[in-house]
């Protein structure tokens, strides 16, 4: 699944979905689709635009939506076609998709963080921005800019979630 020497696809998402999620540890897709709980995935298209999809209302298969949601830029180097758009992991734009939840009318929101709330990320170094631009952004300046500024957006969302003032 993970091979740091396979530069063209460090994470083999194709194998993960083909062998593990579809066969060895098969996800019960029907149960997810029939659940009364709304299930959304946050994606980003190749231009850097956010795309939040309600899985139960989408015409796209659930496994394709999930594959797009874990198509991590640089590590997978591919996008997944969703509704005619090349999409990938939306965590770059919405590390915590708070605004779409509020816009959708959610009033009680539980955020489970995988890192301490006080964590403040730094701007990606020059070399990381260059690698991202070559492998992922290609001709999309907007996508490259989103990556370069992802730490600031993450900081602002963390401040909103914790109720602390945002740093400038």
N, C-alpha and C. Protein backbone atom coordinates (compact mmCIF):
# COMPACT_ATOMS: atom_id res chain seq x y z
N UNK A 1 0.83 -1.20 0.00
CA UNK A 1 0.00 0.00 0.00
C UNK A 1 0.87 1.26 0.00
N UNK A 2 1.88 1.28 0.85
CA UNK A 2 2.75 2.45 0.99
C UNK A 2 4.16 2.07 0.55
N UNK A 3 4.71 2.83 -0.39
CA UNK A 3 6.06 2.59 -0.87
C UNK A 3 6.69 3.94 -1.21
N UNK A 4 7.58 4.46 -0.34
CA UNK A 4 8.17 5.77 -0.58
C UNK A 4 9.08 5.82 -1.80
N UNK A 5 9.46 4.66 -2.33
CA UNK A 5 10.32 4.63 -3.51
C UNK A 5 9.52 4.58 -4.81
N UNK A 6 8.20 4.42 -4.69
CA UNK A 6 7.33 4.42 -5.87
C UNK A 6 6.79 5.86 -5.99
N UNK A 7 7.62 6.74 -6.53
CA UNK A 7 7.33 8.18 -6.55
C UNK A 7 6.05 8.53 -7.29
N UNK A 8 5.69 7.73 -8.28
CA UNK A 8 4.51 8.04 -9.08
C UNK A 8 3.21 7.70 -8.35
N UNK A 9 3.30 6.90 -7.28
CA UNK A 9 2.10 6.52 -6.52
C UNK A 9 2.56 5.95 -5.18
N UNK A 10 2.97 6.82 -4.28
CA UNK A 10 3.50 6.39 -2.98
C UNK A 10 2.42 5.61 -2.21
N UNK A 11 1.18 6.09 -2.25
CA UNK A 11 0.06 5.36 -1.66
C UNK A 11 -0.72 4.70 -2.79
N UNK A 12 -0.85 3.39 -2.76
CA UNK A 12 -1.57 2.68 -3.81
C UNK A 12 -3.04 2.56 -3.43
N UNK A 13 -3.75 3.65 -3.64
CA UNK A 13 -5.18 3.72 -3.32
C UNK A 13 -5.97 2.72 -4.17
N UNK A 14 -5.52 2.49 -5.40
CA UNK A 14 -6.19 1.53 -6.28
C UNK A 14 -6.21 0.14 -5.62
N UNK A 15 -5.06 -0.31 -5.14
CA UNK A 15 -4.97 -1.62 -4.48
C UNK A 15 -5.83 -1.65 -3.22
N UNK A 16 -5.76 -0.57 -2.43
CA UNK A 16 -6.55 -0.49 -1.20
C UNK A 16 -8.03 -0.73 -1.46
N UNK A 17 -8.57 -0.05 -2.46
CA UNK A 17 -9.99 -0.19 -2.75
C UNK A 17 -10.32 -1.51 -3.45
N UNK A 18 -9.48 -1.95 -4.35
CA UNK A 18 -9.72 -3.20 -5.09
C UNK A 18 -9.62 -4.43 -4.18
N UNK A 19 -8.58 -4.48 -3.35
CA UNK A 19 -8.32 -5.68 -2.56
C UNK A 19 -8.88 -5.64 -1.14
N UNK A 20 -8.75 -4.53 -0.47
CA UNK A 20 -9.14 -4.47 0.94
C UNK A 20 -10.60 -4.05 1.10
N UNK A 21 -10.95 -2.89 0.61
CA UNK A 21 -12.28 -2.33 0.87
C UNK A 21 -13.38 -3.05 0.08
N UNK A 22 -13.06 -3.56 -1.09
CA UNK A 22 -14.06 -4.26 -1.89
C UNK A 22 -14.09 -5.77 -1.64
N UNK A 23 -12.98 -6.34 -1.10
CA UNK A 23 -12.93 -7.80 -0.96
C UNK A 23 -12.59 -8.27 0.45
N UNK A 24 -11.36 -8.05 0.91
CA UNK A 24 -10.91 -8.62 2.17
C UNK A 24 -11.70 -8.12 3.39
N UNK A 25 -11.92 -6.84 3.46
CA UNK A 25 -12.69 -6.23 4.55
C UNK A 25 -13.82 -5.42 3.92
N UNK A 26 -14.64 -6.11 3.17
CA UNK A 26 -15.65 -5.46 2.34
C UNK A 26 -16.55 -4.51 3.15
N UNK A 27 -16.63 -3.30 2.67
CA UNK A 27 -17.50 -2.30 3.27
C UNK A 27 -18.94 -2.63 2.90
N UNK A 28 -19.84 -2.59 3.87
CA UNK A 28 -21.26 -2.84 3.62
C UNK A 28 -21.87 -1.56 3.04
N UNK A 29 -21.72 -1.42 1.75
CA UNK A 29 -22.15 -0.22 1.05
C UNK A 29 -23.65 0.01 1.24
N UNK A 30 -24.43 -1.04 1.15
CA UNK A 30 -25.90 -0.90 1.28
C UNK A 30 -26.29 -0.33 2.64
N UNK A 31 -25.63 -0.77 3.70
CA UNK A 31 -25.94 -0.23 5.04
C UNK A 31 -25.61 1.25 5.14
N UNK A 32 -24.50 1.66 4.55
CA UNK A 32 -24.13 3.07 4.56
C UNK A 32 -25.17 3.88 3.79
N UNK A 33 -25.55 3.38 2.64
CA UNK A 33 -26.49 4.12 1.79
C UNK A 33 -27.89 4.18 2.40
N UNK A 34 -28.27 3.18 3.20
CA UNK A 34 -29.59 3.16 3.81
C UNK A 34 -29.64 3.83 5.18
N UNK A 35 -28.50 4.26 5.67
CA UNK A 35 -28.43 4.86 7.00
C UNK A 35 -29.23 6.17 7.05
N UNK A 36 -29.94 6.39 8.15
CA UNK A 36 -30.66 7.67 8.29
C UNK A 36 -29.70 8.84 8.56
N UNK A 37 -28.47 8.53 8.93
CA UNK A 37 -27.47 9.57 9.17
C UNK A 37 -26.89 10.02 7.84
N UNK A 38 -26.91 11.32 7.60
CA UNK A 38 -26.34 11.85 6.36
C UNK A 38 -24.82 11.65 6.38
N UNK A 39 -24.30 11.23 5.26
CA UNK A 39 -22.87 10.98 5.14
C UNK A 39 -22.33 11.81 3.97
N UNK A 40 -21.42 12.73 4.29
CA UNK A 40 -20.82 13.60 3.29
C UNK A 40 -19.35 13.29 3.14
N UNK A 41 -18.82 13.54 1.95
CA UNK A 41 -17.38 13.51 1.75
C UNK A 41 -16.96 14.87 1.21
N UNK A 42 -15.81 15.30 1.65
CA UNK A 42 -15.27 16.59 1.21
C UNK A 42 -14.18 16.33 0.19
N UNK A 43 -14.37 16.90 -0.98
CA UNK A 43 -13.44 16.72 -2.07
C UNK A 43 -12.92 18.07 -2.55
N UNK A 44 -11.90 18.01 -3.37
CA UNK A 44 -11.35 19.20 -4.01
C UNK A 44 -11.15 18.82 -5.47
N UNK A 45 -11.56 19.70 -6.38
CA UNK A 45 -11.33 19.37 -7.78
C UNK A 45 -9.95 19.84 -8.21
N UNK A 46 -9.56 19.52 -9.42
CA UNK A 46 -8.21 19.82 -9.92
C UNK A 46 -7.93 21.31 -10.02
N UNK A 47 -8.98 22.13 -9.98
CA UNK A 47 -8.78 23.59 -10.01
C UNK A 47 -8.64 24.17 -8.61
N UNK A 48 -8.84 23.35 -7.58
CA UNK A 48 -8.73 23.85 -6.21
C UNK A 48 -10.06 24.27 -5.62
N UNK A 49 -11.15 23.92 -6.29
CA UNK A 49 -12.48 24.27 -5.80
C UNK A 49 -12.99 23.18 -4.86
N UNK A 50 -13.61 23.59 -3.74
CA UNK A 50 -14.18 22.60 -2.82
C UNK A 50 -15.43 21.96 -3.43
N UNK A 51 -15.68 20.75 -3.02
CA UNK A 51 -16.82 19.99 -3.54
C UNK A 51 -17.27 19.05 -2.43
N UNK A 52 -18.37 19.37 -1.76
CA UNK A 52 -18.90 18.52 -0.69
C UNK A 52 -20.06 17.71 -1.26
N UNK A 53 -19.98 16.40 -1.11
CA UNK A 53 -20.97 15.51 -1.72
C UNK A 53 -21.73 14.74 -0.64
N UNK A 54 -23.06 14.79 -0.72
CA UNK A 54 -23.91 13.97 0.14
C UNK A 54 -23.97 12.59 -0.53
N UNK A 55 -23.33 11.62 0.07
CA UNK A 55 -23.15 10.32 -0.58
C UNK A 55 -24.47 9.62 -0.91
N UNK A 56 -25.47 9.75 -0.02
CA UNK A 56 -26.73 9.05 -0.27
C UNK A 56 -27.54 9.68 -1.40
N UNK A 57 -27.26 10.93 -1.73
CA UNK A 57 -28.01 11.59 -2.81
C UNK A 57 -27.22 11.66 -4.12
N UNK A 58 -25.99 11.27 -4.11
CA UNK A 58 -25.15 11.34 -5.30
C UNK A 58 -25.43 10.18 -6.24
N UNK A 59 -25.29 10.43 -7.53
CA UNK A 59 -25.42 9.35 -8.52
C UNK A 59 -24.12 8.54 -8.61
N UNK A 60 -23.05 9.04 -8.00
CA UNK A 60 -21.76 8.34 -8.02
C UNK A 60 -21.77 7.19 -7.00
N UNK A 61 -21.14 6.07 -7.34
CA UNK A 61 -21.03 4.96 -6.37
C UNK A 61 -20.25 5.40 -5.12
N UNK A 62 -20.67 4.89 -3.97
CA UNK A 62 -20.04 5.24 -2.70
C UNK A 62 -18.54 4.97 -2.71
N UNK A 63 -18.12 3.82 -3.23
CA UNK A 63 -16.70 3.49 -3.20
C UNK A 63 -15.88 4.46 -4.06
N UNK A 64 -16.45 4.95 -5.14
CA UNK A 64 -15.74 5.94 -5.96
C UNK A 64 -15.62 7.25 -5.19
N UNK A 65 -16.67 7.66 -4.49
CA UNK A 65 -16.62 8.88 -3.68
C UNK A 65 -15.56 8.75 -2.58
N UNK A 66 -15.53 7.60 -1.92
CA UNK A 66 -14.55 7.39 -0.85
C UNK A 66 -13.13 7.36 -1.41
N UNK A 67 -12.97 6.78 -2.58
CA UNK A 67 -11.64 6.74 -3.21
C UNK A 67 -11.17 8.16 -3.51
N UNK A 68 -12.05 8.99 -4.02
CA UNK A 68 -11.69 10.39 -4.29
C UNK A 68 -11.34 11.10 -2.99
N UNK A 69 -12.07 10.79 -1.92
CA UNK A 69 -11.85 11.46 -0.64
C UNK A 69 -10.51 11.11 0.00
N UNK A 70 -9.92 9.98 -0.40
CA UNK A 70 -8.61 9.59 0.15
C UNK A 70 -7.49 9.68 -0.88
N UNK A 71 -7.78 10.26 -2.03
CA UNK A 71 -6.77 10.45 -3.07
C UNK A 71 -5.89 11.62 -2.67
N UNK A 72 -4.93 11.35 -1.81
CA UNK A 72 -4.08 12.38 -1.21
C UNK A 72 -3.12 12.96 -2.25
N UNK A 73 -3.17 14.29 -2.46
CA UNK A 73 -2.24 14.90 -3.42
C UNK A 73 -0.79 14.57 -3.07
N UNK A 74 0.02 14.43 -4.06
CA UNK A 74 1.44 14.08 -4.03
C UNK A 74 1.63 12.59 -3.75
N UNK A 75 0.92 12.02 -2.79
CA UNK A 75 1.12 10.61 -2.45
C UNK A 75 0.41 9.66 -3.40
N UNK A 76 -0.67 10.12 -4.01
CA UNK A 76 -1.41 9.28 -4.96
C UNK A 76 -1.26 9.80 -6.39
N UNK A 77 -1.15 11.11 -6.56
CA UNK A 77 -0.88 11.75 -7.85
C UNK A 77 -1.92 11.48 -8.93
N UNK A 78 -3.14 11.24 -8.53
CA UNK A 78 -4.22 11.04 -9.48
C UNK A 78 -5.47 11.68 -8.92
N UNK A 79 -6.38 11.97 -9.80
CA UNK A 79 -7.68 12.42 -9.35
C UNK A 79 -8.68 11.33 -9.74
N UNK A 80 -9.86 11.38 -9.12
CA UNK A 80 -10.92 10.41 -9.40
C UNK A 80 -12.08 11.20 -9.98
N UNK A 81 -12.63 10.73 -11.08
CA UNK A 81 -13.71 11.46 -11.74
C UNK A 81 -15.00 11.34 -10.92
N UNK A 82 -15.48 12.50 -10.47
CA UNK A 82 -16.74 12.58 -9.72
C UNK A 82 -17.60 13.65 -10.41
N UNK A 83 -18.74 13.20 -10.91
CA UNK A 83 -19.67 14.11 -11.59
C UNK A 83 -18.96 14.93 -12.67
N UNK A 84 -18.05 14.29 -13.39
CA UNK A 84 -17.35 14.94 -14.48
C UNK A 84 -16.18 15.82 -14.07
N UNK A 85 -15.85 15.83 -12.78
CA UNK A 85 -14.74 16.63 -12.28
C UNK A 85 -13.66 15.71 -11.73
N UNK A 86 -12.41 16.02 -12.02
CA UNK A 86 -11.31 15.27 -11.42
C UNK A 86 -11.17 15.71 -9.97
N UNK A 87 -11.42 14.82 -9.03
CA UNK A 87 -11.43 15.18 -7.61
C UNK A 87 -10.40 14.39 -6.82
N UNK A 88 -10.02 14.97 -5.67
CA UNK A 88 -9.07 14.34 -4.75
C UNK A 88 -9.44 14.75 -3.32
N UNK A 89 -8.65 14.29 -2.38
CA UNK A 89 -8.85 14.56 -0.95
C UNK A 89 -9.09 16.05 -0.71
N UNK A 90 -10.22 16.38 -0.09
CA UNK A 90 -10.57 17.78 0.16
C UNK A 90 -10.01 18.33 1.45
N UNK A 91 -9.21 17.55 2.17
CA UNK A 91 -8.65 18.02 3.44
C UNK A 91 -7.77 19.24 3.30
N UNK A 92 -7.23 19.45 2.12
CA UNK A 92 -6.40 20.63 1.88
C UNK A 92 -7.22 21.91 1.99
N UNK A 93 -8.46 21.84 1.55
CA UNK A 93 -9.34 23.01 1.59
C UNK A 93 -10.18 23.02 2.85
N UNK A 94 -10.70 21.87 3.22
CA UNK A 94 -11.55 21.75 4.41
C UNK A 94 -10.98 20.70 5.35
N UNK A 95 -9.95 21.05 6.12
CA UNK A 95 -9.42 20.08 7.07
C UNK A 95 -10.49 19.72 8.09
N UNK A 96 -11.31 20.68 8.44
CA UNK A 96 -12.51 20.47 9.24
C UNK A 96 -13.62 21.19 8.46
N UNK A 97 -14.49 20.44 7.76
CA UNK A 97 -15.49 21.07 6.89
C UNK A 97 -16.62 21.73 7.67
N UNK A 98 -16.27 22.71 8.45
CA UNK A 98 -17.22 23.38 9.32
C UNK A 98 -18.21 24.26 8.56
N UNK A 99 -17.71 25.07 7.64
CA UNK A 99 -18.61 25.97 6.90
C UNK A 99 -19.68 25.21 6.13
N UNK A 100 -19.34 24.14 5.40
CA UNK A 100 -20.42 23.42 4.70
C UNK A 100 -21.46 22.84 5.67
N UNK A 101 -21.03 22.39 6.84
CA UNK A 101 -21.98 21.85 7.82
C UNK A 101 -22.93 22.94 8.30
N UNK A 102 -22.39 24.11 8.59
CA UNK A 102 -23.22 25.23 9.05
C UNK A 102 -24.17 25.66 7.94
N UNK A 103 -23.67 25.75 6.72
CA UNK A 103 -24.49 26.13 5.57
C UNK A 103 -25.63 25.13 5.36
N UNK A 104 -25.36 23.86 5.65
CA UNK A 104 -26.38 22.81 5.48
C UNK A 104 -27.40 22.81 6.63
N UNK A 105 -27.23 23.72 7.60
CA UNK A 105 -28.21 23.83 8.68
C UNK A 105 -27.86 23.10 9.95
N UNK A 106 -26.67 22.54 10.05
CA UNK A 106 -26.28 21.85 11.27
C UNK A 106 -26.13 22.87 12.40
N UNK A 107 -26.67 22.54 13.56
CA UNK A 107 -26.57 23.43 14.71
C UNK A 107 -25.73 22.83 15.84
N UNK A 108 -25.63 21.53 15.90
CA UNK A 108 -24.81 20.84 16.89
C UNK A 108 -23.74 20.07 16.13
N UNK A 109 -22.51 20.52 16.27
CA UNK A 109 -21.42 19.95 15.49
C UNK A 109 -20.33 19.44 16.45
N UNK A 110 -19.98 18.20 16.30
CA UNK A 110 -18.92 17.59 17.10
C UNK A 110 -17.69 17.45 16.22
N UNK A 111 -16.58 18.01 16.66
CA UNK A 111 -15.33 17.93 15.91
C UNK A 111 -14.38 17.02 16.69
N UNK A 112 -13.97 15.93 16.06
CA UNK A 112 -13.00 15.02 16.65
C UNK A 112 -11.66 15.31 15.99
N UNK A 113 -10.76 15.88 16.73
CA UNK A 113 -9.46 16.27 16.19
C UNK A 113 -8.45 15.14 16.32
N UNK A 114 -7.61 15.01 15.33
CA UNK A 114 -6.55 14.00 15.38
C UNK A 114 -5.24 14.60 15.87
N UNK A 115 -5.24 15.91 16.09
CA UNK A 115 -4.05 16.60 16.59
C UNK A 115 -4.50 17.56 17.69
N UNK A 116 -3.59 17.93 18.59
CA UNK A 116 -3.96 18.87 19.66
C UNK A 116 -4.48 20.19 19.08
N UNK A 117 -5.48 20.77 19.76
CA UNK A 117 -6.07 22.02 19.28
C UNK A 117 -5.04 23.14 19.20
N UNK A 118 -4.05 23.11 20.06
CA UNK A 118 -3.05 24.19 20.09
C UNK A 118 -2.03 24.07 18.95
N UNK A 119 -2.05 22.97 18.24
CA UNK A 119 -1.08 22.77 17.15
C UNK A 119 -1.26 23.85 16.08
N UNK A 120 -0.18 24.48 15.72
CA UNK A 120 -0.19 25.49 14.66
C UNK A 120 0.80 25.04 13.60
N UNK A 121 0.29 24.78 12.42
CA UNK A 121 1.15 24.36 11.33
C UNK A 121 1.87 25.53 10.69
N UNK A 122 2.98 25.24 10.12
CA UNK A 122 3.75 26.25 9.40
C UNK A 122 3.42 26.19 7.91
N UNK A 123 3.78 27.24 7.22
CA UNK A 123 3.60 27.25 5.78
C UNK A 123 4.45 26.15 5.18
N UNK A 124 3.96 25.50 4.12
CA UNK A 124 4.79 24.48 3.48
C UNK A 124 6.08 25.11 2.97
N UNK A 125 7.20 24.42 3.13
CA UNK A 125 8.47 24.98 2.64
C UNK A 125 8.46 25.10 1.12
N UNK A 126 9.38 25.87 0.60
CA UNK A 126 9.47 26.13 -0.83
C UNK A 126 9.51 24.83 -1.64
N UNK A 127 10.34 23.88 -1.20
CA UNK A 127 10.50 22.64 -1.95
C UNK A 127 9.20 21.84 -1.99
N UNK A 128 8.43 21.85 -0.90
CA UNK A 128 7.16 21.12 -0.87
C UNK A 128 6.15 21.78 -1.82
N UNK A 129 6.15 23.11 -1.86
CA UNK A 129 5.25 23.81 -2.78
C UNK A 129 5.61 23.49 -4.22
N UNK A 130 6.91 23.41 -4.52
CA UNK A 130 7.33 23.10 -5.88
C UNK A 130 6.92 21.68 -6.28
N UNK A 131 7.11 20.73 -5.38
CA UNK A 131 6.71 19.35 -5.67
C UNK A 131 5.20 19.28 -5.88
N UNK A 132 4.45 19.94 -5.01
CA UNK A 132 2.99 19.95 -5.16
C UNK A 132 2.58 20.56 -6.49
N UNK A 133 3.20 21.67 -6.85
CA UNK A 133 2.85 22.34 -8.11
C UNK A 133 3.14 21.47 -9.32
N UNK A 134 4.26 20.77 -9.30
CA UNK A 134 4.62 19.91 -10.43
C UNK A 134 3.73 18.68 -10.50
N UNK A 135 3.50 18.02 -9.36
CA UNK A 135 2.76 16.76 -9.37
C UNK A 135 1.24 16.92 -9.34
N UNK A 136 0.75 17.97 -8.70
CA UNK A 136 -0.70 18.08 -8.50
C UNK A 136 -1.32 19.30 -9.16
N UNK A 137 -0.78 20.46 -8.87
CA UNK A 137 -1.41 21.69 -9.35
C UNK A 137 -1.23 21.84 -10.86
N UNK A 138 -0.12 21.44 -11.36
CA UNK A 138 0.23 21.55 -12.77
C UNK A 138 -0.10 22.93 -13.31
N UNK A 139 -1.19 23.08 -14.02
CA UNK A 139 -1.51 24.39 -14.61
C UNK A 139 -2.48 25.20 -13.76
N UNK A 140 -2.86 24.72 -12.60
CA UNK A 140 -3.82 25.44 -11.76
C UNK A 140 -3.09 26.26 -10.70
N UNK A 141 -2.97 27.54 -10.97
CA UNK A 141 -2.32 28.44 -10.00
C UNK A 141 -3.15 28.51 -8.72
N UNK A 142 -4.47 28.45 -8.87
CA UNK A 142 -5.35 28.52 -7.70
C UNK A 142 -5.10 27.34 -6.76
N UNK A 143 -4.95 26.15 -7.31
CA UNK A 143 -4.69 24.98 -6.50
C UNK A 143 -3.35 25.10 -5.80
N UNK A 144 -2.33 25.58 -6.50
CA UNK A 144 -1.02 25.79 -5.88
C UNK A 144 -1.10 26.81 -4.75
N UNK A 145 -1.87 27.85 -4.95
CA UNK A 145 -2.03 28.87 -3.92
C UNK A 145 -2.78 28.31 -2.70
N UNK A 146 -3.78 27.48 -2.96
CA UNK A 146 -4.52 26.85 -1.85
C UNK A 146 -3.58 26.02 -0.98
N UNK A 147 -2.69 25.27 -1.63
CA UNK A 147 -1.73 24.46 -0.88
C UNK A 147 -0.80 25.35 -0.07
N UNK A 148 -0.28 26.39 -0.69
CA UNK A 148 0.66 27.30 -0.01
C UNK A 148 0.02 27.97 1.20
N UNK A 149 -1.29 28.17 1.16
CA UNK A 149 -1.99 28.87 2.24
C UNK A 149 -2.79 27.93 3.15
N UNK A 150 -2.64 26.63 2.97
CA UNK A 150 -3.45 25.67 3.74
C UNK A 150 -3.23 25.78 5.24
N UNK A 151 -2.02 26.12 5.66
CA UNK A 151 -1.74 26.24 7.09
C UNK A 151 -2.54 27.38 7.72
N UNK A 152 -2.73 28.48 7.01
CA UNK A 152 -3.48 29.63 7.54
C UNK A 152 -4.96 29.28 7.67
N UNK A 153 -5.50 28.59 6.67
CA UNK A 153 -6.91 28.18 6.73
C UNK A 153 -7.11 27.20 7.88
N UNK A 154 -6.21 26.27 8.03
CA UNK A 154 -6.30 25.30 9.12
C UNK A 154 -6.26 26.01 10.48
N UNK A 155 -5.38 26.98 10.62
CA UNK A 155 -5.28 27.75 11.85
C UNK A 155 -6.59 28.47 12.17
N UNK A 156 -7.19 29.10 11.16
CA UNK A 156 -8.44 29.83 11.35
C UNK A 156 -9.59 28.91 11.74
N UNK A 157 -9.66 27.74 11.11
CA UNK A 157 -10.71 26.78 11.45
C UNK A 157 -10.52 26.26 12.87
N UNK A 158 -9.27 25.97 13.25
CA UNK A 158 -9.00 25.51 14.63
C UNK A 158 -9.42 26.57 15.64
N UNK A 159 -9.17 27.83 15.32
CA UNK A 159 -9.57 28.91 16.22
C UNK A 159 -11.09 28.97 16.34
N UNK A 160 -11.79 28.80 15.24
CA UNK A 160 -13.26 28.81 15.25
C UNK A 160 -13.80 27.65 16.07
N UNK A 161 -13.23 26.46 15.86
CA UNK A 161 -13.69 25.27 16.58
C UNK A 161 -13.46 25.39 18.08
N UNK A 162 -12.32 25.95 18.48
CA UNK A 162 -12.00 26.02 19.89
C UNK A 162 -12.50 27.29 20.56
N UNK A 163 -13.00 28.25 19.76
CA UNK A 163 -13.49 29.51 20.33
C UNK A 163 -12.39 30.46 20.69
N UNK A 164 -11.17 30.22 20.21
CA UNK A 164 -10.06 31.12 20.51
C UNK A 164 -9.89 32.13 19.37
N UNK A 165 -9.28 33.26 19.65
CA UNK A 165 -9.09 34.24 18.56
C UNK A 165 -8.11 33.71 17.52
N UNK A 166 -8.40 34.01 16.26
CA UNK A 166 -7.52 33.58 15.17
C UNK A 166 -6.27 34.43 15.16
N UNK A 167 -5.16 33.78 14.89
CA UNK A 167 -3.90 34.52 14.78
C UNK A 167 -3.89 35.26 13.45
N UNK A 168 -3.15 36.32 13.41
CA UNK A 168 -3.11 37.06 12.13
C UNK A 168 -1.86 36.74 11.36
